[in-house]
C-alpha atoms as a PDB file:
ATOM      1  CA  MET A   1       0.000   0.000   0.000  1.00  0.00           C
ATOM      2  CA  ARG A   2       1.314   3.321  -0.997  1.00  0.00           C
ATOM      3  CA  ILE A   3       2.166   6.217   1.283  1.00  0.00           C
ATOM      4  CA  PRO A   4       1.014   9.363  -0.532  1.00  0.00           C
ATOM      5  CA  LEU A   5       3.427  12.217   0.096  1.00  0.00           C
ATOM      6  CA  ILE A   6       2.898  15.914  -0.576  1.00  0.00           C
ATOM      7  CA  ALA A   7       6.240  17.688  -0.366  1.00  0.00           C
ATOM      8  CA  ALA A   8       6.555  21.426   0.094  1.00  0.00           C
ATOM      9  CA  SER A   9       9.877  23.248   0.115  1.00  0.00           C
ATOM     10  CA  VAL A  10      10.367  22.515   3.791  1.00  0.00           C
ATOM     11  CA  GLY A  11       7.461  20.560   5.291  1.00  0.00           C
ATOM     12  CA  MET A  12       5.983  17.240   4.193  1.00  0.00           C
ATOM     13  CA  VAL A  13       2.624  15.669   4.922  1.00  0.00           C
ATOM     14  CA  VAL A  14       1.910  11.957   4.549  1.00  0.00           C
ATOM     15  CA  GLY A  15      -1.608  10.486   4.342  1.00  0.00           C
ATOM     16  CA  LEU A  16      -2.771   6.859   4.577  1.00  0.00           C
ATOM     17  CA  ALA A  17      -6.160   5.464   3.567  1.00  0.00           C
ATOM     18  CA  LEU A  18      -8.621   4.519   6.297  1.00  0.00           C
ATOM     19  CA  SER A  19     -10.748   1.402   6.548  1.00  0.00           C
ATOM     20  CA  GLY A  20     -12.211  -0.719   9.347  1.00  0.00           C
ATOM     21  CA  THR A  21     -14.247  -3.721  10.429  1.00  0.00           C
ATOM     22  CA  ALA A  22     -17.096  -4.303  12.884  1.00  0.00           C
ATOM     23  CA  ALA A  23     -18.157  -7.387  14.886  1.00  0.00           C
ATOM     24  CA  ASN A  24     -20.408  -8.518  17.687  1.00  0.00           C
ATOM     25  CA  ALA A  25     -18.787  -7.748  21.058  1.00  0.00           C
ATOM     26  CA  GLU A  26     -18.847 -11.292  22.499  1.00  0.00           C
ATOM     27  CA  THR A  27     -17.616 -12.799  19.248  1.00  0.00           C
ATOM     28  CA  THR A  28     -14.876 -10.213  19.055  1.00  0.00           C
ATOM     29  CA  VAL A  29     -13.586 -11.037  22.552  1.00  0.00           C
ATOM     30  CA  ALA A  30     -13.473 -14.764  21.776  1.00  0.00           C
ATOM     31  CA  ARG A  31     -11.807 -14.243  18.433  1.00  0.00           C
ATOM     32  CA  ASP A  32      -9.305 -11.770  19.882  1.00  0.00           C
ATOM     33  CA  THR A  33      -8.326 -14.350  22.494  1.00  0.00           C
ATOM     34  CA  GLN A  34      -7.749 -16.995  19.819  1.00  0.00           C
ATOM     35  CA  ALA A  35      -5.849 -14.580  17.574  1.00  0.00           C
ATOM     36  CA  ALA A  36      -3.645 -13.548  20.475  1.00  0.00           C
ATOM     37  CA  ARG A  37      -2.665 -17.201  20.893  1.00  0.00           C
ATOM     38  CA  ASP A  38      -2.055 -17.507  17.153  1.00  0.00           C
ATOM     39  CA  THR A  39      -0.086 -14.325  16.554  1.00  0.00           C
ATOM     40  CA  GLN A  40       1.565 -13.432  19.870  1.00  0.00           C
ATOM     41  CA  ALA A  41       2.190 -16.431  22.108  1.00  0.00           C
ATOM     42  CA  ALA A  42       3.139 -18.909  19.409  1.00  0.00           C
ATOM     43  CA  PRO A  43       2.941 -17.649  15.823  1.00  0.00           C
ATOM     44  CA  PRO A  44       3.177 -20.387  13.183  1.00  0.00           C
ATOM     45  CA  ALA A  45       6.725 -21.122  12.032  1.00  0.00           C
ATOM     46  CA  VAL A  46       5.978 -19.816   8.535  1.00  0.00           C
ATOM     47  CA  LEU A  47       5.543 -16.379  10.131  1.00  0.00           C
ATOM     48  CA  ALA A  48       8.010 -16.443  13.016  1.00  0.00           C
ATOM     49  CA  LYS A  49      10.812 -18.563  11.525  1.00  0.00           C
ATOM     50  CA  ASN A  50      10.496 -18.035   7.804  1.00  0.00           C
ATOM     51  CA  LYS A  51      13.525 -18.848   5.642  1.00  0.00           C
ATOM     52  CA  ILE A  52      13.511 -15.345   4.174  1.00  0.00           C
ATOM     53  CA  TYR A  53      14.790 -14.068   7.528  1.00  0.00           C
ATOM     54  CA  ARG A  54      17.959 -16.060   6.838  1.00  0.00           C
ATOM     55  CA  SER A  55      18.627 -14.439   3.449  1.00  0.00           C
ATOM     56  CA  GLY A  56      21.645 -12.506   4.697  1.00  0.00           C
ATOM     57  CA  THR A  57      22.767  -8.898   4.350  1.00  0.00           C
ATOM     58  CA  PRO A  58      22.809  -7.635   0.753  1.00  0.00           C
ATOM     59  CA  SER A  59      25.557  -5.609  -0.828  1.00  0.00           C
ATOM     60  CA  ALA A  60      24.878  -2.272  -2.462  1.00  0.00           C
ATOM     61  CA  GLN A  61      23.047  -2.719  -5.756  1.00  0.00           C
ATOM     62  CA  SER A  62      23.286  -0.370  -8.714  1.00  0.00           C
ATOM     63  CA  CYS A  63      20.079   0.108 -10.701  1.00  0.00           C
ATOM     64  CA  SER A  64      19.390   2.268 -13.713  1.00  0.00           C
ATOM     65  CA  ILE A  65      16.422   4.397 -12.612  1.00  0.00           C
ATOM     66  CA  PRO A  66      15.514   7.128 -15.124  1.00  0.00           C
ATOM     67  CA  SER A  67      14.328  10.657 -14.526  1.00  0.00           C
ATOM     68  CA  ILE A  68      10.620  11.500 -14.625  1.00  0.00           C
ATOM     69  CA  ARG A  69       9.184  14.175 -16.905  1.00  0.00           C
ATOM     70  CA  THR A  70       6.397  16.200 -15.351  1.00  0.00           C
ATOM     71  CA  GLY A  71       3.093  15.513 -17.077  1.00  0.00           C
ATOM     72  CA  SER A  72       4.317  12.402 -18.904  1.00  0.00           C
ATOM     73  CA  ALA A  73       2.487   9.144 -18.187  1.00  0.00           C
ATOM     74  CA  ALA A  74       4.947   7.322 -20.459  1.00  0.00           C
ATOM     75  CA  SER A  75       7.832   8.617 -18.351  1.00  0.00           C
ATOM     76  CA  LEU A  76       6.162   7.413 -15.166  1.00  0.00           C
ATOM     77  CA  LYS A  77       5.576   3.970 -16.666  1.00  0.00           C
ATOM     78  CA  THR A  78       9.250   3.776 -17.624  1.00  0.00           C
ATOM     79  CA  PHE A  79      10.219   4.754 -14.064  1.00  0.00           C
ATOM     80  CA  HIS A  80       7.944   2.116 -12.514  1.00  0.00           C
ATOM     81  CA  ARG A  81       9.275  -0.617 -14.807  1.00  0.00           C
ATOM     82  CA  ALA A  82      12.862   0.342 -14.005  1.00  0.00           C
ATOM     83  CA  MET A  83      12.018   0.164 -10.294  1.00  0.00           C
ATOM     84  CA  ALA A  84      10.436  -3.248 -10.905  1.00  0.00           C
ATOM     85  CA  ARG A  85      13.599  -4.555 -12.572  1.00  0.00           C
ATOM     86  CA  CYS A  86      15.620  -3.256  -9.638  1.00  0.00           C
ATOM     87  CA  ALA A  87      13.332  -4.894  -7.054  1.00  0.00           C
ATOM     88  CA  ASN A  88      13.235  -8.109  -9.029  1.00  0.00           C
ATOM     89  CA  THR A  89      17.034  -8.387  -9.104  1.00  0.00           C
ATOM     90  CA  PHE A  90      17.258  -7.588  -5.410  1.00  0.00           C
ATOM     91  CA  TRP A  91      14.676 -10.090  -4.184  1.00  0.00           C
ATOM     92  CA  ALA A  92      15.706 -12.852  -6.568  1.00  0.00           C
ATOM     93  CA  THR A  93      19.156 -12.668  -4.983  1.00  0.00           C
ATOM     94  CA  ARG A  94      17.747 -12.708  -1.454  1.00  0.00           C
ATOM     95  CA  PHE A  95      15.518 -15.715  -2.153  1.00  0.00           C
ATOM     96  CA  ARG A  96      18.448 -17.557  -3.694  1.00  0.00           C
ATOM     97  CA  ALA A  97      20.531 -16.803  -0.591  1.00  0.00           C
ATOM     98  CA  ALA A  98      17.748 -18.223   1.577  1.00  0.00           C
ATOM     99  CA  GLY A  99      17.444 -21.361  -0.563  1.00  0.00           C
ATOM    100  CA  MET A 100      13.921 -20.466  -1.654  1.00  0.00           C
ATOM    101  CA  ARG A 101      12.207 -20.487  -5.040  1.00  0.00           C
ATOM    102  CA  TYR A 102      11.500 -17.111  -6.561  1.00  0.00           C
ATOM    103  CA  SER A 103       9.351 -15.810  -9.388  1.00  0.00           C
ATOM    104  CA  PRO A 104       8.664 -12.161 -10.215  1.00  0.00           C
ATOM    105  CA  PRO A 105       5.223 -10.592 -10.015  1.00  0.00           C
ATOM    106  CA  ARG A 106       3.451  -9.195 -13.051  1.00  0.00           C
ATOM    107  CA  ILE A 107       3.405  -5.407 -13.239  1.00  0.00           C
ATOM    108  CA  ALA A 108       0.205  -3.785 -14.509  1.00  0.00           C
ATOM    109  CA  ILE A 109       0.331  -0.007 -14.932  1.00  0.00           C
ATOM    110  CA  THR A 110      -2.717   2.000 -15.915  1.00  0.00           C
ATOM    111  CA  THR A 111      -4.084   5.532 -15.898  1.00  0.00           C
ATOM    112  CA  GLY A 112      -7.571   4.136 -15.196  1.00  0.00           C
ATOM    113  CA  SER A 113      -9.081   2.825 -11.981  1.00  0.00           C
ATOM    114  CA  ASN A 114      -9.559  -0.868 -12.784  1.00  0.00           C
ATOM    115  CA  SER A 115      -7.050  -3.644 -12.190  1.00  0.00           C
ATOM    116  CA  VAL A 116      -6.935  -7.435 -12.387  1.00  0.00           C
ATOM    117  CA  CYS A 117      -8.175  -7.578  -8.787  1.00  0.00           C
ATOM    118  CA  GLY A 118     -10.739  -4.806  -8.842  1.00  0.00           C
ATOM    119  CA  LYS A 119     -10.762  -1.054  -8.489  1.00  0.00           C
ATOM    120  CA  ILE A 120      -7.450   0.540  -7.561  1.00  0.00           C
ATOM    121  CA  THR A 121      -7.823   2.728  -4.498  1.00  0.00           C
ATOM    122  CA  SER A 122      -6.947   6.405  -4.324  1.00  0.00           C
ATOM    123  CA  ASN A 123      -3.537   5.352  -2.954  1.00  0.00           C
ATOM    124  CA  GLY A 124      -2.622   4.296  -6.481  1.00  0.00           C
ATOM    125  CA  ALA A 125      -1.074   0.851  -5.944  1.00  0.00           C
ATOM    126  CA  GLN A 126      -2.070  -2.578  -4.689  1.00  0.00           C
ATOM    127  CA  TYR A 127      -0.922  -6.183  -4.698  1.00  0.00           C
ATOM    128  CA  CYS A 128      -3.223  -8.832  -6.150  1.00  0.00           C
ATOM    129  CA  PRO A 129      -2.224 -12.152  -4.502  1.00  0.00           C
ATOM    130  CA  ALA A 130      -4.247 -14.545  -6.657  1.00  0.00           C
ATOM    131  CA  GLN A 131      -2.833 -13.029  -9.839  1.00  0.00           C
ATOM    132  CA  ARG A 132       0.592 -12.320  -8.287  1.00  0.00           C
ATOM    133  CA  THR A 133       0.376  -8.874  -9.813  1.00  0.00           C
ATOM    134  CA  ILE A 134       1.373  -5.421  -8.636  1.00  0.00           C
ATOM    135  CA  ALA A 135      -1.241  -3.048 -10.007  1.00  0.00           C
ATOM    136  CA  ILE A 136      -0.269   0.612 -10.242  1.00  0.00           C
ATOM    137  CA  ARG A 137      -2.514   3.497 -11.162  1.00  0.00           C
ATOM    138  CA  ILE A 138      -0.830   6.655 -12.407  1.00  0.00           C
ATOM    139  CA  MET A 139      -2.593   9.388 -10.509  1.00  0.00           C
ATOM    140  CA  LYS A 140      -3.116  12.988 -11.563  1.00  0.00           C
ATOM    141  CA  ARG A 141      -0.975  14.146  -8.656  1.00  0.00           C
ATOM    142  CA  ASP A 142       1.912  11.990  -9.914  1.00  0.00           C
ATOM    143  CA  LEU A 143       1.753  13.682 -13.291  1.00  0.00           C
ATOM    144  CA  GLN A 144       1.634  17.131 -11.726  1.00  0.00           C
ATOM    145  CA  ASP A 145       4.272  16.549  -9.049  1.00  0.00           C
ATOM    146  CA  PRO A 146       6.299  13.369  -9.745  1.00  0.00           C
ATOM    147  CA  PHE A 147       8.085  13.010  -6.404  1.00  0.00           C
ATOM    148  CA  ARG A 148      10.572  10.173  -6.916  1.00  0.00           C
ATOM    149  CA  MET A 149      10.612   8.595  -3.466  1.00  0.00           C
ATOM    150  CA  ASN A 150       6.853   8.581  -3.223  1.00  0.00           C
ATOM    151  CA  ILE A 151       6.471   6.937  -6.617  1.00  0.00           C
ATOM    152  CA  ALA A 152       9.309   4.488  -5.951  1.00  0.00           C
ATOM    153  CA  HIS A 153       7.531   3.362  -2.788  1.00  0.00           C
ATOM    154  CA  SER A 154       4.627   2.042  -4.877  1.00  0.00           C
ATOM    155  CA  ILE A 155       6.956  -0.696  -6.113  1.00  0.00           C
ATOM    156  CA  ALA A 156       9.010  -1.185  -2.939  1.00  0.00           C
ATOM    157  CA  HIS A 157       6.066  -1.710  -0.595  1.00  0.00           C
ATOM    158  CA  GLU A 158       3.941  -3.837  -2.915  1.00  0.00           C
ATOM    159  CA  TRP A 159       6.967  -6.024  -3.696  1.00  0.00           C
ATOM    160  CA  GLY A 160       7.124  -6.607   0.040  1.00  0.00           C
ATOM    161  CA  HIS A 161       3.677  -8.204  -0.222  1.00  0.00           C
ATOM    162  CA  HIS A 162       4.927 -10.358  -3.091  1.00  0.00           C
ATOM    163  CA  VAL A 163       7.761 -11.545  -0.840  1.00  0.00           C
ATOM    164  CA  GLN A 164       5.137 -12.454   1.760  1.00  0.00           C
ATOM    165  CA  GLN A 165       3.154 -14.332  -0.879  1.00  0.00           C
ATOM    166  CA  LEU A 166       6.100 -16.368  -2.166  1.00  0.00           C
ATOM    167  CA  SER A 167       7.311 -17.189   1.337  1.00  0.00           C
ATOM    168  CA  GLY A 168       3.896 -18.425   2.512  1.00  0.00           C
ATOM    169  CA  MET A 169       3.337 -15.642   5.007  1.00  0.00           C
ATOM    170  CA  LEU A 170       0.503 -13.947   3.142  1.00  0.00           C
ATOM    171  CA  ASP A 171      -1.583 -17.124   2.978  1.00  0.00           C
ATOM    172  CA  GLU A 172      -0.989 -17.837   6.667  1.00  0.00           C
ATOM    173  CA  GLN A 173      -1.928 -14.294   7.646  1.00  0.00           C
ATOM    174  CA  ASN A 174      -5.083 -14.615   5.561  1.00  0.00           C
ATOM    175  CA  ARG A 175      -5.988 -17.869   7.316  1.00  0.00           C
ATOM    176  CA  LEU A 176      -5.548 -16.291  10.757  1.00  0.00           C
ATOM    177  CA  TYR A 177      -7.366 -13.140   9.661  1.00  0.00           C
ATOM    178  CA  TRP A 178     -10.545 -14.985   8.679  1.00  0.00           C
ATOM    179  CA  ARG A 179     -10.512 -16.932  11.947  1.00  0.00           C
ATOM    180  CA  SER A 180     -10.385 -13.659  13.869  1.00  0.00           C
ATOM    181  CA  GLY A 181     -12.440 -10.502  14.186  1.00  0.00           C
ATOM    182  CA  GLY A 182     -12.435  -6.963  15.509  1.00  0.00           C
ATOM    183  CA  SER A 183      -9.170  -5.709  16.952  1.00  0.00           C
ATOM    184  CA  ALA A 184      -7.451  -9.042  16.330  1.00  0.00           C
ATOM    185  CA  ARG A 185      -7.947  -8.544  12.602  1.00  0.00           C
ATOM    186  CA  SER A 186      -6.560  -5.033  12.868  1.00  0.00           C
ATOM    187  CA  ILE A 187      -3.394  -6.265  14.558  1.00  0.00           C
ATOM    188  CA  LEU A 188      -2.931  -8.987  11.941  1.00  0.00           C
ATOM    189  CA  SER A 189      -3.363  -6.406   9.209  1.00  0.00           C
ATOM    190  CA  HIS A 190      -0.837  -4.117  10.897  1.00  0.00           C
ATOM    191  CA  ARG A 191       1.715  -6.918  11.208  1.00  0.00           C
ATOM    192  CA  LEU A 192       1.361  -7.658   7.503  1.00  0.00           C
ATOM    193  CA  GLU A 193       1.610  -4.031   6.371  1.00  0.00           C
ATOM    194  CA  MET A 194       4.455  -3.146   8.710  1.00  0.00           C
ATOM    195  CA  GLN A 195       6.438  -6.153   7.535  1.00  0.00           C
ATOM    196  CA  ALA A 196       5.973  -4.987   3.935  1.00  0.00           C
ATOM    197  CA  GLU A 197       7.283  -1.591   5.048  1.00  0.00           C
ATOM    198  CA  CYS A 198      10.275  -3.295   6.652  1.00  0.00           C
ATOM    199  CA  PHE A 199      10.983  -5.307   3.501  1.00  0.00           C
ATOM    200  CA  ALA A 200      10.832  -2.046   1.543  1.00  0.00           C
ATOM    201  CA  GLY A 201      13.401  -0.623   3.957  1.00  0.00           C
ATOM    202  CA  VAL A 202      15.711  -3.602   3.377  1.00  0.00           C
ATOM    203  CA  PHE A 203      15.401  -3.017  -0.369  1.00  0.00           C
ATOM    204  CA  TYR A 204      16.207   0.681   0.073  1.00  0.00           C
ATOM    205  CA  SER A 205      19.270  -0.152   2.177  1.00  0.00           C
ATOM    206  CA  SER A 206      20.845  -1.626  -0.948  1.00  0.00           C
ATOM    207  CA  THR A 207      19.393   0.568  -3.702  1.00  0.00           C
ATOM    208  CA  LEU A 208      18.605   4.044  -2.359  1.00  0.00           C
ATOM    209  CA  ASP A 209      21.552   5.749  -4.044  1.00  0.00           C
ATOM    210  CA  SER A 210      20.383   4.465  -7.427  1.00  0.00           C
ATOM    211  CA  ILE A 211      16.828   5.617  -6.788  1.00  0.00           C
ATOM    212  CA  ASP A 212      18.120   9.145  -6.121  1.00  0.00           C
ATOM    213  CA  PRO A 213      15.011   9.918  -4.059  1.00  0.00           C
ATOM    214  CA  GLY A 214      15.281  13.699  -3.894  1.00  0.00           C
ATOM    215  CA  ILE A 215      14.940  13.584  -0.113  1.00  0.00           C
ATOM    216  CA  THR A 216      17.185  12.427   2.716  1.00  0.00           C
ATOM    217  CA  TRP A 217      16.340   9.196   4.492  1.00  0.00           C
ATOM    218  CA  ASP A 218      15.727  11.022   7.771  1.00  0.00           C
ATOM    219  CA  GLN A 219      13.330  13.425   6.050  1.00  0.00           C
ATOM    220  CA  TRP A 220      11.443  10.542   4.466  1.00  0.00           C
ATOM    221  CA  ILE A 221      11.112   8.629   7.741  1.00  0.00           C
ATOM    222  CA  ASP A 222       9.998  11.809   9.497  1.00  0.00           C
ATOM    223  CA  ALA A 223       7.313  12.288   6.838  1.00  0.00           C
ATOM    224  CA  VAL A 224       6.123   8.678   7.240  1.00  0.00           C
ATOM    225  CA  SER A 225       5.996   9.090  11.028  1.00  0.00           C
ATOM    226  CA  ARG A 226       3.644  12.064  10.673  1.00  0.00           C
ATOM    227  CA  ALA A 227       1.121  10.323   8.422  1.00  0.00           C
ATOM    228  CA  GLY A 228      -2.571  10.228   9.111  1.00  0.00           C
ATOM    229  CA  GLU A 229      -3.390   7.087  11.095  1.00  0.00           C
ATOM    230  CA  SER A 230      -4.838   4.087   9.270  1.00  0.00           C
ATOM    231  CA  LYS A 231      -6.822   1.195  10.757  1.00  0.00           C
ATOM    232  CA  VAL A 232      -5.432  -1.071   8.047  1.00  0.00           C
ATOM    233  CA  HIS A 233      -1.795   0.016   8.255  1.00  0.00           C
ATOM    234  CA  GLY A 234      -1.504   1.092  11.894  1.00  0.00           C
ATOM    235  CA  LYS A 235       0.114   4.040  13.612  1.00  0.00           C
ATOM    236  CA  PRO A 236       2.436   6.090  11.410  1.00  0.00           C
ATOM    237  CA  ARG A 237       5.190   6.100  14.017  1.00  0.00           C
ATOM    238  CA  ASN A 238       5.228   2.288  13.897  1.00  0.00           C
ATOM    239  CA  LEU A 239       5.205   2.228  10.100  1.00  0.00           C
ATOM    240  CA  ALA A 240       8.203   4.560  10.202  1.00  0.00           C
ATOM    241  CA  TYR A 241       9.865   2.370  12.844  1.00  0.00           C
ATOM    242  CA  TRP A 242       9.619  -0.790  10.748  1.00  0.00           C
ATOM    243  CA  GLN A 243      10.679   0.835   7.501  1.00  0.00           C
ATOM    244  CA  ASN A 244      13.676   2.378   9.243  1.00  0.00           C
ATOM    245  CA  ARG A 245      14.458  -0.917  11.004  1.00  0.00           C
ATOM    246  CA  GLY A 246      14.679  -2.664   7.641  1.00  0.00           C
ATOM    247  CA  TYR A 247      16.809   0.111   6.200  1.00  0.00           C
ATOM    248  CA  THR A 248      19.270   0.407   9.083  1.00  0.00           C
ATOM    249  CA  GLY A 249      19.402  -3.345   9.723  1.00  0.00           C
ATOM    250  CA  GLY A 250      19.825  -4.106   6.039  1.00  0.00           C
ATOM    251  CA  SER A 251      18.435  -7.621   6.339  1.00  0.00           C
ATOM    252  CA  ALA A 252      15.056  -9.350   6.321  1.00  0.00           C
ATOM    253  CA  ARG A 253      15.927 -10.854   9.710  1.00  0.00           C
ATOM    254  CA  PHE A 254      14.955  -7.492  11.220  1.00  0.00           C
ATOM    255  CA  CYS A 255      11.447  -7.764   9.745  1.00  0.00           C
ATOM    256  CA  ASN A 256       9.742 -10.364  11.942  1.00  0.00           C
ATOM    257  CA  THR A 257       6.703  -8.308  12.925  1.00  0.00           C
ATOM    258  CA  TRP A 258       4.789 -11.439  13.956  1.00  0.00           C
ATOM    259  CA  THR A 259       6.522 -11.791  17.321  1.00  0.00           C
ATOM    260  CA  ALA A 260       6.789  -8.051  18.002  1.00  0.00           C
ATOM    261  CA  PRO A 261       4.897  -6.620  20.997  1.00  0.00           C
ATOM    262  CA  ARG A 262       1.503  -5.140  20.184  1.00  0.00           C
ATOM    263  CA  GLY A 263       2.819  -1.689  20.991  1.00  0.00           C
ATOM    264  CA  ARG A 264       5.095  -1.938  17.959  1.00  0.00           C
ATOM    265  CA  VAL A 265       2.319  -3.005  15.587  1.00  0.00           C
ATOM    266  CA  SER A 266      -0.611  -0.954  16.868  1.00  0.00           C
END
C-alpha cells in the first residue's frame, strides 16, 4: 500500500487510507483471544521462523532508474518498470541466498481505476495475490508533481507483499485473519503491512543511491511518522519504525513483525 506524500519546500505531509471492520462484542472477545494465541504467544513457524529471515545482508546494488518528466504518463511507466527490474534483481538474490524459489510478479500499470483484482484505491497501488500482480494506477498528482521517493515506494512496498506471498506468510496471515475478528484482525493487518514496510526498507538499504530519491532518508522517515493514522496500516510512528528498522538493519531478519509486541504493531 502506498504512502502518498505531498512535499513542500520545507514541510511534508503523509496520508494513509482509512478502513475498518465491525463485529459482535462477544464474538470479538473470543476471536481476539484466539488470535492472540495464534499471533503473539506462538505464531506459526511460517511467520516467526520463515527462511527469508535467513537471506543474509545484501551488498549495495546499482540500478538504472531514469528521470521522470512532469506531465508524462509514459515517463512514469518507464520509471515504474525500471524500479520493478531493480526490485526483481534484489529479491531474486535474497531468495536464492535463503534457498527459496523465486518468481517475479506481473506489473500492470494503468491511468484508469480498474485492475486485475478490482478497483485501484486512491492510494494508487495494490498487490493482487491470486494473480501475483502489482497493479499501479498513475494518478493525476503523480503527473503534476512526480516526487521520486513517493512513486518508488509504490513498487518497494507492494513487492514486500509479493515476498510475503512467495514465502507463505501472506496465505498464513489470511488464514488467521478470517478466523479472527475486531481488533485481532486489525493487529494482523498491521503486522502484515508493517512487515511490507520493513521489507521495503531492506530493499532501500541496498538501492537508495540508485533511486536518487530527492529527499534524505531522515526526512522521508519523518514524513512517514507524521502520516494520518490508518486502521489497516496502523500508527504512522510504527510504520516509520519498521521501515527504518529494515533500512538500518539491512536484512530481512529485522522484519519479523509477527513476534513483536503489540505496541510496535498498533
